[in-house]
């Protein structure tokens, strides 16, 4: 059974969301922390990892490669890593696949990386090409364009890279490979992406420097051993975005998400919501974390594109829901990368929001959403009859949760069933429970709502 078919959950509108909650640990940080702890010589401690299936796959992968795992502790070091006894199954996680490719390229043995049907359709040349350029021996379907990937690592040479597409996954893979490459490895970005790889490499004592200039951003790394580290993983801003957008668009709502990562490349969605007129309050906890409060207030349309897109790429599906409930038109452009995610998120959000009555246009690199204010998602009625509507996640966790937010913004008595809702298990298995904790109404399909 595919993610498209697994599970249905119904969400009802008309109930304000109120309260303070925490979201799971940041998924991007969790993947990278596990991989770097596996390389670090000694015992690292990483608390608060993401609870989703994607990160569980990375945890299982480093165990297969020889890292010792016990609770929050990871025993690592290149001397204990070895060829896995079996191919490494990365499920639905593109982040795990691409980052593991970089790690595997740095290890002097064969690693075979594969995943589910969805992951086997996602593009891999963007990471395979730069690793080939460093000397890695990698093969895959369609000449390395698709997984499974067979990586025989070792013998790498550092070089300069200028990725064509802004991708933190590609940058992270190159830097992981660079930890075992002769000479210096440099990644230049015209549009800077999230900096979790650099932040964690610095924490683990890598020989790394970064620099910014009017022409872009560069990060340099040299080969060397890593030291063990301790880390408390902050809350995932991409997960917090679903609750904060819900707080903005569900009438009467007042939602606070505690201890959210708001460092470089991850707080862009808050700037978009602010432009839309959202009632937001951000209370810093540290230079990179904050408590964020969102209260309902009418929104207005805006434009999202250009240099801000890499920092909001994961949040565009739920921002499209906010746009549908805003007054005026919102244009998302420069986001063609959305077509290469777990689903084609441009097409799926256009299709499914259209089923809910939203007026929008699909473009090659984005969406044009014609917001109709608070009544945008009201269903057609016959007299007093209210209609139960159905939408589909297309096996994509962010699409599933975005559609749930849209349903919560409906009027009292209206309900929307999200088919394939089990896709959220890849990133946030407890999402529906948190919605209930905040006062929202959810139920498995077929149950009373």
Protein backbone atom coordinates (compact mmCIF):
# COMPACT_ATOMS: atom_id res chain seq x y z
CA UNK A 1 0.00 0.00 0.00
CA UNK A 2 1.44 3.39 -1.00
CA UNK A 3 1.48 6.61 0.98
CA UNK A 4 -1.18 7.87 -1.43
CA UNK A 5 -3.55 5.17 -0.19
CA UNK A 6 -2.71 4.91 3.50
CA UNK A 7 -5.10 6.42 6.01
CA UNK A 8 -7.79 9.07 5.96
CA UNK A 9 -8.46 11.76 8.54
CA UNK A 10 -11.32 14.24 8.65
CA UNK A 11 -10.86 17.82 9.86
CA UNK A 12 -13.76 20.08 10.82
CA UNK A 13 -13.96 23.85 10.67
CA UNK A 14 -15.49 26.37 13.05
CA UNK A 15 -13.30 25.80 16.12
CA UNK A 16 -10.70 28.31 17.28
CA UNK A 17 -7.22 26.95 18.02
CA UNK A 18 -5.74 28.15 21.29
CA UNK A 19 -2.74 27.25 23.40
CA UNK A 20 1.02 26.82 23.63
CA UNK A 21 2.73 23.80 22.08
CA UNK A 22 6.08 22.52 20.91
CA UNK A 23 6.76 20.90 17.57
CA UNK A 24 9.17 18.01 16.94
CA UNK A 25 12.87 18.66 16.57
CA UNK A 26 13.94 20.17 13.29
CA UNK A 27 14.08 17.50 10.61
CA UNK A 28 16.93 19.05 8.63
CA UNK A 29 19.08 19.44 11.75
CA UNK A 30 18.23 15.92 12.93
CA UNK A 31 19.44 14.25 9.72
CA UNK A 32 22.71 16.16 9.75
CA UNK A 33 23.34 15.69 13.47
CA UNK A 34 23.04 11.91 13.14
CA UNK A 35 25.43 11.78 10.19
CA UNK A 36 28.05 14.02 11.80
CA UNK A 37 27.79 12.16 15.12
CA UNK A 38 28.45 8.93 13.21
CA UNK A 39 31.67 10.50 11.84
CA UNK A 40 32.81 12.16 15.11
CA UNK A 41 35.43 10.25 17.06
CA UNK A 42 33.68 9.34 20.31
CA UNK A 43 30.34 9.69 22.03
CA UNK A 44 27.96 12.44 20.95
CA UNK A 45 24.61 13.20 22.56
CA UNK A 46 21.73 14.52 20.44
CA UNK A 47 18.47 15.24 22.25
CA UNK A 48 15.10 16.05 20.74
CA UNK A 49 15.49 14.46 17.30
CA UNK A 50 12.59 14.68 14.87
CA UNK A 51 10.03 11.97 15.60
CA UNK A 52 9.19 11.30 11.94
CA UNK A 53 9.92 8.26 9.82
CA UNK A 54 12.39 10.17 7.63
CA UNK A 55 14.82 10.75 10.50
CA UNK A 56 14.24 7.21 11.78
CA UNK A 57 15.56 6.04 8.40
CA UNK A 58 18.75 8.09 8.83
CA UNK A 59 19.16 6.74 12.35
CA UNK A 60 18.83 3.18 11.04
CA UNK A 61 21.29 3.97 8.22
CA UNK A 62 24.10 5.10 10.53
CA UNK A 63 23.51 1.99 12.67
CA UNK A 64 23.91 -0.21 9.57
CA UNK A 65 27.16 1.61 8.85
CA UNK A 66 28.50 0.74 12.30
CA UNK A 67 27.67 3.68 14.57
CA UNK A 68 26.57 2.73 18.06
CA UNK A 69 23.16 4.03 19.11
CA UNK A 70 21.75 4.00 22.62
CA UNK A 71 19.01 6.45 23.53
CA UNK A 72 20.30 9.97 22.77
CA UNK A 73 23.93 8.81 22.53
CA UNK A 74 25.76 8.05 19.29
CA UNK A 75 29.18 6.36 19.30
CA UNK A 76 30.96 7.33 16.10
CA UNK A 77 34.25 7.59 14.28
CA UNK A 78 35.56 6.59 10.87
CA UNK A 79 37.49 3.72 12.44
CA UNK A 80 34.25 1.95 13.43
CA UNK A 81 32.26 2.60 10.25
CA UNK A 82 32.05 -0.33 7.85
CA UNK A 83 30.26 -1.59 4.79
CA UNK A 84 26.60 -2.27 5.56
CA UNK A 85 25.49 -5.90 5.39
CA UNK A 86 22.51 -4.93 3.23
CA UNK A 87 21.24 -2.09 1.02
CA UNK A 88 20.21 0.97 3.04
CA UNK A 89 16.48 1.74 2.82
CA UNK A 90 15.79 5.46 3.14
CA UNK A 91 12.03 5.22 2.71
CA UNK A 92 10.54 8.48 1.45
CA UNK A 93 13.37 10.78 2.52
CA UNK A 94 15.10 12.76 -0.23
CA UNK A 95 17.20 14.56 2.40
CA UNK A 96 18.51 11.26 3.76
CA UNK A 97 19.26 9.93 0.27
CA UNK A 98 21.19 12.97 -0.89
CA UNK A 99 23.12 13.54 2.35
CA UNK A 100 23.96 9.83 2.66
CA UNK A 101 25.31 9.90 -0.88
CA UNK A 102 27.83 12.53 0.25
CA UNK A 103 28.74 10.61 3.39
CA UNK A 104 29.05 7.32 1.50
CA UNK A 105 31.34 8.97 -1.05
CA UNK A 106 33.75 9.72 1.79
CA UNK A 107 33.86 6.11 3.04
CA UNK A 108 36.22 3.54 1.45
CA UNK A 109 33.64 0.86 0.70
CA UNK A 110 30.40 0.19 -1.16
CA UNK A 111 27.06 1.60 0.00
CA UNK A 112 23.79 0.93 -1.81
CA UNK A 113 21.04 3.49 -1.15
CA UNK A 114 17.41 2.96 -2.11
CA UNK A 115 13.92 4.05 -1.08
CA UNK A 116 10.23 3.80 -1.78
CA UNK A 117 8.48 4.35 -5.12
CA UNK A 118 8.23 8.10 -4.59
CA UNK A 119 11.90 8.50 -3.69
CA UNK A 120 12.95 6.42 -6.69
CA UNK A 121 11.30 9.05 -8.94
CA UNK A 122 13.11 12.03 -7.44
CA UNK A 123 16.12 13.61 -9.22
CA UNK A 124 19.55 12.60 -7.95
CA UNK A 125 21.97 13.96 -10.59
CA UNK A 126 22.07 17.28 -8.76
CA UNK A 127 24.04 15.53 -6.02
CA UNK A 128 25.64 12.75 -8.08
CA UNK A 129 27.26 15.17 -10.56
CA UNK A 130 29.34 17.10 -8.00
CA UNK A 131 30.34 13.88 -6.24
CA UNK A 132 31.45 12.43 -9.58
CA UNK A 133 33.50 15.59 -10.09
CA UNK A 134 35.28 14.87 -6.78
CA UNK A 135 36.16 11.36 -7.93
CA UNK A 136 33.41 9.27 -6.35
CA UNK A 137 32.31 6.12 -8.15
CA UNK A 138 28.49 6.25 -8.22
CA UNK A 139 26.01 4.39 -10.37
CA UNK A 140 22.24 4.52 -10.47
CA UNK A 141 19.25 4.08 -12.70
CA UNK A 142 19.22 6.14 -15.90
CA UNK A 143 22.91 6.94 -15.62
CA UNK A 144 22.74 8.09 -12.01
CA UNK A 145 19.66 10.26 -12.48
CA UNK A 146 17.50 8.06 -10.24
CA UNK A 147 17.90 5.84 -7.18
CA UNK A 148 18.89 3.22 -6.18
CA UNK A 149 22.42 4.58 -5.98
CA UNK A 150 25.50 2.42 -5.58
CA UNK A 151 28.33 4.48 -4.09
CA UNK A 152 31.91 3.25 -3.82
CA UNK A 153 33.66 5.93 -1.84
CA UNK A 154 37.19 7.05 -1.19
CA UNK A 155 39.91 8.73 -3.25
CA UNK A 156 38.14 12.11 -3.34
CA UNK A 157 39.73 15.39 -4.42
CA UNK A 158 38.39 18.72 -3.20
CA UNK A 159 37.22 21.23 -5.78
CA UNK A 160 35.01 24.27 -6.26
CA UNK A 161 31.28 23.76 -6.83
CA UNK A 162 28.59 26.15 -8.04
CA UNK A 163 25.29 24.21 -7.83
CA UNK A 164 22.83 25.23 -10.53
CA UNK A 165 19.86 25.00 -8.17
CA UNK A 166 19.80 26.41 -4.64
CA UNK A 167 19.81 23.27 -2.49
CA UNK A 168 20.90 22.81 1.12
CA UNK A 169 20.84 19.05 0.51
CA UNK A 170 23.37 19.30 -2.31
CA UNK A 171 25.56 21.67 -0.29
CA UNK A 172 25.42 19.32 2.70
CA UNK A 173 26.35 16.29 0.60
CA UNK A 174 29.34 18.08 -0.93
CA UNK A 175 30.58 19.22 2.48
CA UNK A 176 30.26 15.71 3.92
CA UNK A 177 32.31 14.37 1.04
CA UNK A 178 34.81 17.20 1.51
CA UNK A 179 35.60 15.98 5.01
CA UNK A 180 37.59 13.15 3.38
CA UNK A 181 38.81 14.88 0.20
CA UNK A 182 42.35 15.98 -0.59
CA UNK A 183 42.68 19.76 -0.57
CA UNK A 184 39.90 22.27 -0.11
CA UNK A 185 36.24 21.80 -1.01
CA UNK A 186 34.28 24.98 -1.73
CA UNK A 187 30.57 25.52 -2.37
CA UNK A 188 29.46 28.85 -3.85
CA UNK A 189 25.79 29.81 -3.63
CA UNK A 190 24.25 32.72 -5.52
CA UNK A 191 21.22 32.33 -3.25
CA UNK A 192 22.23 31.22 0.24
CA UNK A 193 20.34 28.18 1.56
CA UNK A 194 19.75 27.04 5.14
CA UNK A 195 23.02 26.72 7.06
CA UNK A 196 22.48 23.69 9.25
CA UNK A 197 25.38 21.76 7.70
CA UNK A 198 27.81 24.61 8.39
CA UNK A 199 26.50 25.21 11.92
CA UNK A 200 26.82 21.56 12.87
CA UNK A 201 30.20 21.09 11.20
CA UNK A 202 31.48 24.05 13.22
CA UNK A 203 30.02 22.50 16.39
CA UNK A 204 31.94 19.30 15.61
CA UNK A 205 35.21 21.15 15.09
CA UNK A 206 35.54 20.90 11.31
CA UNK A 207 38.10 23.07 9.54
CA UNK A 208 35.45 25.27 7.94
CA UNK A 209 35.03 28.91 6.97
CA UNK A 210 32.14 30.88 5.48
CA UNK A 211 32.04 34.20 3.70
CA UNK A 212 29.39 36.48 2.28
CA UNK A 213 29.78 39.02 -0.49
CA UNK A 214 27.54 40.97 -2.88
CA UNK A 215 28.00 38.07 -5.32
CA UNK A 216 26.71 35.41 -2.93
CA UNK A 217 27.81 33.06 -0.19
CA UNK A 218 30.68 30.58 0.05
CA UNK A 219 31.58 27.79 2.47
CA UNK A 220 34.98 26.05 2.53
CA UNK A 221 35.96 22.82 4.26
CA UNK A 222 39.10 20.70 4.51
CA UNK A 223 39.54 17.07 5.41
CA UNK A 224 39.88 16.27 9.07
CA UNK A 225 38.44 14.41 12.01
CA UNK A 226 35.39 15.60 13.92
CA UNK A 227 35.02 15.80 17.68
CA UNK A 228 31.92 14.53 19.51
CA UNK A 229 29.31 17.09 20.50
CA UNK A 230 26.11 17.64 22.45
CA UNK A 231 23.03 19.15 20.86
CA UNK A 232 19.45 19.94 21.81
CA UNK A 233 17.58 20.03 18.51
CA UNK A 234 15.27 23.09 18.35
CA UNK A 235 11.70 22.95 17.06
CA UNK A 236 11.19 22.54 13.32
CA UNK A 237 10.05 25.84 11.75
CA UNK A 238 8.57 24.05 8.74
CA UNK A 239 6.30 22.12 11.10
CA UNK A 240 5.59 25.21 13.19
CA UNK A 241 4.42 26.94 10.00
CA UNK A 242 1.31 24.73 9.81
CA UNK A 243 0.21 25.71 13.32
CA UNK A 244 1.11 29.36 12.91
CA UNK A 245 -0.73 29.69 9.60
CA UNK A 246 -3.70 27.96 11.25
CA UNK A 247 -3.49 30.52 14.05
CA UNK A 248 -3.57 33.30 11.43
CA UNK A 249 -6.51 31.99 9.38
CA UNK A 250 -8.84 30.17 11.79
CA UNK A 251 -11.16 32.77 13.37
CA UNK A 252 -10.67 33.32 17.10
CA UNK A 253 -7.32 31.50 17.19
CA UNK A 254 -4.31 32.33 19.37
CA UNK A 255 -1.44 29.84 18.97
CA UNK A 256 2.10 29.94 20.38
CA UNK A 257 4.81 27.54 19.22
CA UNK A 258 7.72 27.37 21.62
CA UNK A 259 11.46 27.06 20.93
CA UNK A 260 11.34 27.26 17.12
CA UNK A 261 14.52 27.51 15.06
CA UNK A 262 14.51 30.93 13.33
CA UNK A 263 18.13 31.06 12.13
CA UNK A 264 19.38 31.86 8.62
CA UNK A 265 17.31 30.41 5.81
CA UNK A 266 14.42 29.16 7.94
CA UNK A 267 12.35 32.14 9.12
CA UNK A 268 11.36 33.40 5.69
CA UNK A 269 7.77 32.26 6.03
CA UNK A 270 7.34 34.59 9.02
CA UNK A 271 8.42 37.53 6.85
CA UNK A 272 5.86 36.50 4.22
CA UNK A 273 3.08 36.29 6.81
CA UNK A 274 4.15 39.66 8.21
CA UNK A 275 3.79 41.21 4.72
CA UNK A 276 0.34 39.69 4.54
CA UNK A 277 -0.61 41.57 7.71
CA UNK A 278 -0.49 38.64 10.13
CA UNK A 279 -0.64 39.26 13.89
CA UNK A 280 2.70 37.73 14.93
CA UNK A 281 4.80 38.06 18.06
CA UNK A 282 8.35 36.68 18.11
CA UNK A 283 10.09 36.34 21.48
CA UNK A 284 13.76 35.30 21.11
CA UNK A 285 15.20 32.53 23.29
CA UNK A 286 18.66 32.51 21.70
CA UNK A 287 20.29 33.91 18.57
CA UNK A 288 18.62 31.16 16.51
CA UNK A 289 15.48 30.16 18.46
CA UNK A 290 12.28 31.90 19.54
CA UNK A 291 8.73 31.43 20.77
CA UNK A 292 6.34 32.52 18.00
CA UNK A 293 2.73 33.57 18.61
CA UNK A 294 0.08 33.91 15.89
CA UNK A 295 -3.42 35.35 16.32
CA UNK A 296 -6.22 35.48 13.81
CA UNK A 297 -6.48 38.63 11.75
CA UNK A 298 -7.55 39.25 8.14
CA UNK A 299 -4.69 38.81 5.65
CA UNK A 300 -3.91 40.46 2.33
CA UNK A 301 -2.22 39.11 -0.80
CA UNK A 302 1.48 39.48 -1.53
CA UNK A 303 4.22 38.32 -3.89
CA UNK A 304 6.70 35.58 -3.01
CA UNK A 305 9.67 35.04 -5.30
CA UNK A 306 13.27 35.81 -6.12
CA UNK A 307 15.94 35.49 -3.47
CA UNK A 308 13.50 34.61 -0.68
CA UNK A 309 12.29 31.37 -2.31
CA UNK A 310 15.05 29.04 -0.99
CA UNK A 311 14.14 30.11 2.54
CA UNK A 312 10.41 29.39 2.16
CA UNK A 313 10.38 26.49 -0.30
CA UNK A 314 9.02 23.98 2.24
CA UNK A 315 6.37 26.39 3.53
CA UNK A 316 4.87 27.44 0.19
CA UNK A 317 2.10 24.78 0.32
CA UNK A 318 0.72 26.10 3.60
CA UNK A 319 1.37 29.72 2.57
CA UNK A 320 -0.86 28.96 -0.42
CA UNK A 321 -3.63 28.17 2.07
CA UNK A 322 -3.02 31.52 3.78
CA UNK A 323 -3.15 33.16 0.34
CA UNK A 324 -6.51 31.54 -0.42
CA UNK A 325 -7.95 33.06 2.76
CA UNK A 326 -6.39 36.49 2.18
CA UNK A 327 -7.98 39.42 0.38
CA UNK A 328 -6.42 39.90 -3.03
CA UNK A 329 -4.02 37.95 -5.22
CA UNK A 330 -0.81 36.24 -4.10
CA UNK A 331 1.83 35.23 -6.65
CA UNK A 332 4.39 32.49 -5.92
CA UNK A 333 7.19 32.47 -8.54
CA UNK A 334 10.71 31.10 -8.96
CA UNK A 335 9.68 27.91 -7.13
CA UNK A 336 10.01 25.25 -9.86
CA UNK A 337 11.90 23.15 -7.28
CA UNK A 338 8.48 22.34 -5.80
CA UNK A 339 7.85 20.05 -8.76
CA UNK A 340 10.66 17.72 -7.60
CA UNK A 341 9.48 17.13 -4.02
CA UNK A 342 7.56 14.15 -2.59
CA UNK A 343 4.87 15.17 -5.06
CA UNK A 344 4.72 17.89 -7.68
CA UNK A 345 3.61 20.40 -5.05
CA UNK A 346 2.62 23.04 -7.58
CA UNK A 347 0.26 20.64 -9.33
CA UNK A 348 -1.03 18.94 -6.18
CA UNK A 349 -1.81 22.15 -4.30
CA UNK A 350 -3.50 23.59 -7.38
CA UNK A 351 -5.60 20.45 -7.78
CA UNK A 352 -6.59 19.97 -4.15
CA UNK A 353 -7.22 23.61 -3.21
CA UNK A 354 -9.28 23.83 -6.38
CA UNK A 355 -11.48 21.05 -5.02
CA UNK A 356 -12.13 23.28 -2.00
CA UNK A 357 -13.32 26.13 -4.18
CA UNK A 358 -10.13 28.19 -4.29
CA UNK A 359 -9.54 30.22 -7.45
CA UNK A 360 -5.93 29.73 -8.53
CA UNK A 361 -3.68 29.27 -11.54
CA UNK A 362 -0.81 26.84 -11.94
CA UNK A 363 2.38 28.20 -13.54
CA UNK A 364 5.60 26.36 -14.46
CA UNK A 365 7.44 27.86 -11.48
CA UNK A 366 4.64 28.59 -9.03
CA UNK A 367 1.04 29.52 -8.35
CA UNK A 368 -1.24 32.52 -8.61
CA UNK A 369 -3.82 32.37 -5.81
CA UNK A 370 -6.84 34.66 -5.99
CA UNK A 371 -7.73 35.08 -2.35
CA UNK A 372 -11.34 35.56 -1.39
CA UNK A 373 -10.97 36.29 2.32
CA UNK A 374 -12.51 34.30 5.15
CA UNK A 375 -15.25 32.77 2.99
CA UNK A 376 -12.90 31.32 0.38
CA UNK A 377 -13.29 27.71 1.51
CA UNK A 378 -17.03 27.62 2.19
CA UNK A 379 -18.62 24.70 0.34
CA UNK A 380 -21.64 24.87 -1.90
CA UNK A 381 -24.84 24.24 0.06
CA UNK A 382 -28.34 23.07 -0.63
CA UNK A 383 -30.54 24.69 1.99
CA UNK A 384 -29.13 23.83 5.42
CA UNK A 385 -27.18 20.84 4.09
CA UNK A 386 -23.45 21.03 4.56
CA UNK A 387 -21.24 18.92 2.36
CA UNK A 388 -18.35 16.65 3.38
CA UNK A 389 -15.55 17.18 0.89
CA UNK A 390 -12.56 14.99 0.09
CA UNK A 391 -9.02 15.87 -0.95
CA UNK A 392 -5.89 13.76 -1.52
CA UNK A 393 -2.37 14.13 -0.11
CA UNK A 394 -0.67 12.54 -3.13
CA UNK A 395 1.61 10.80 -0.62
CA UNK A 396 3.12 14.14 0.43
CA UNK A 397 3.29 15.05 4.12
CA UNK A 398 3.38 18.83 3.56
CA UNK A 399 0.41 18.68 1.20
CA UNK A 400 -1.54 16.59 3.74
CA UNK A 401 -0.93 19.02 6.61
CA UNK A 402 -1.59 22.08 4.44
CA UNK A 403 -4.97 20.66 3.41
CA UNK A 404 -5.73 19.99 7.07
CA UNK A 405 -5.09 23.68 7.84
CA UNK A 406 -7.45 24.63 5.02
CA UNK A 407 -10.14 22.38 6.47
CA UNK A 408 -9.74 23.91 9.94
CA UNK A 409 -10.39 27.35 8.45
CA UNK A 410 -13.83 26.28 7.24
CA UNK A 411 -17.09 27.24 8.91
CA UNK A 412 -18.76 25.34 11.73
CA UNK A 413 -20.13 22.00 10.61
CA UNK A 414 -18.08 21.83 7.43
CA UNK A 415 -15.58 18.99 7.17
CA UNK A 416 -12.86 17.85 4.81
CA UNK A 417 -11.44 14.33 4.58
CA UNK A 418 -7.76 14.10 3.66
CA UNK A 419 -7.00 10.78 1.98
CA UNK A 420 -3.47 9.45 2.29
CA UNK A 421 -3.03 11.32 5.56
CA UNK A 422 -0.58 8.66 6.80
CA UNK A 423 2.02 10.48 4.69
CA UNK A 424 2.51 12.83 7.67
CA UNK A 425 4.21 9.99 9.54
CA UNK A 426 7.36 10.69 7.52
CA UNK A 427 7.80 13.98 9.38
CA UNK A 428 5.25 14.48 12.19
CA UNK A 429 3.21 11.47 13.35
CA UNK A 430 1.60 13.49 16.15
CA UNK A 431 0.26 16.36 14.03
CA UNK A 432 -3.43 15.47 14.38
CA UNK A 433 -3.04 15.04 18.14
CA UNK A 434 -1.54 18.52 18.46
CA UNK A 435 -4.46 19.97 16.49
CA UNK A 436 -6.82 18.30 18.96
CA UNK A 437 -4.74 19.62 21.88
CA UNK A 438 -5.26 23.14 20.51
CA UNK A 439 -9.02 22.60 20.26
CA UNK A 440 -9.40 21.53 16.64
CA UNK A 441 -11.69 18.70 15.60
CA UNK A 442 -10.21 15.64 13.87
CA UNK A 443 -11.33 12.07 13.41
CA UNK A 444 -10.34 9.03 11.37
CA UNK A 445 -12.48 8.71 8.25
CA UNK A 446 -15.87 7.26 9.04
CA UNK A 447 -15.88 8.47 12.64
CA UNK A 448 -18.16 11.21 13.93
CA UNK A 449 -16.71 14.70 13.71
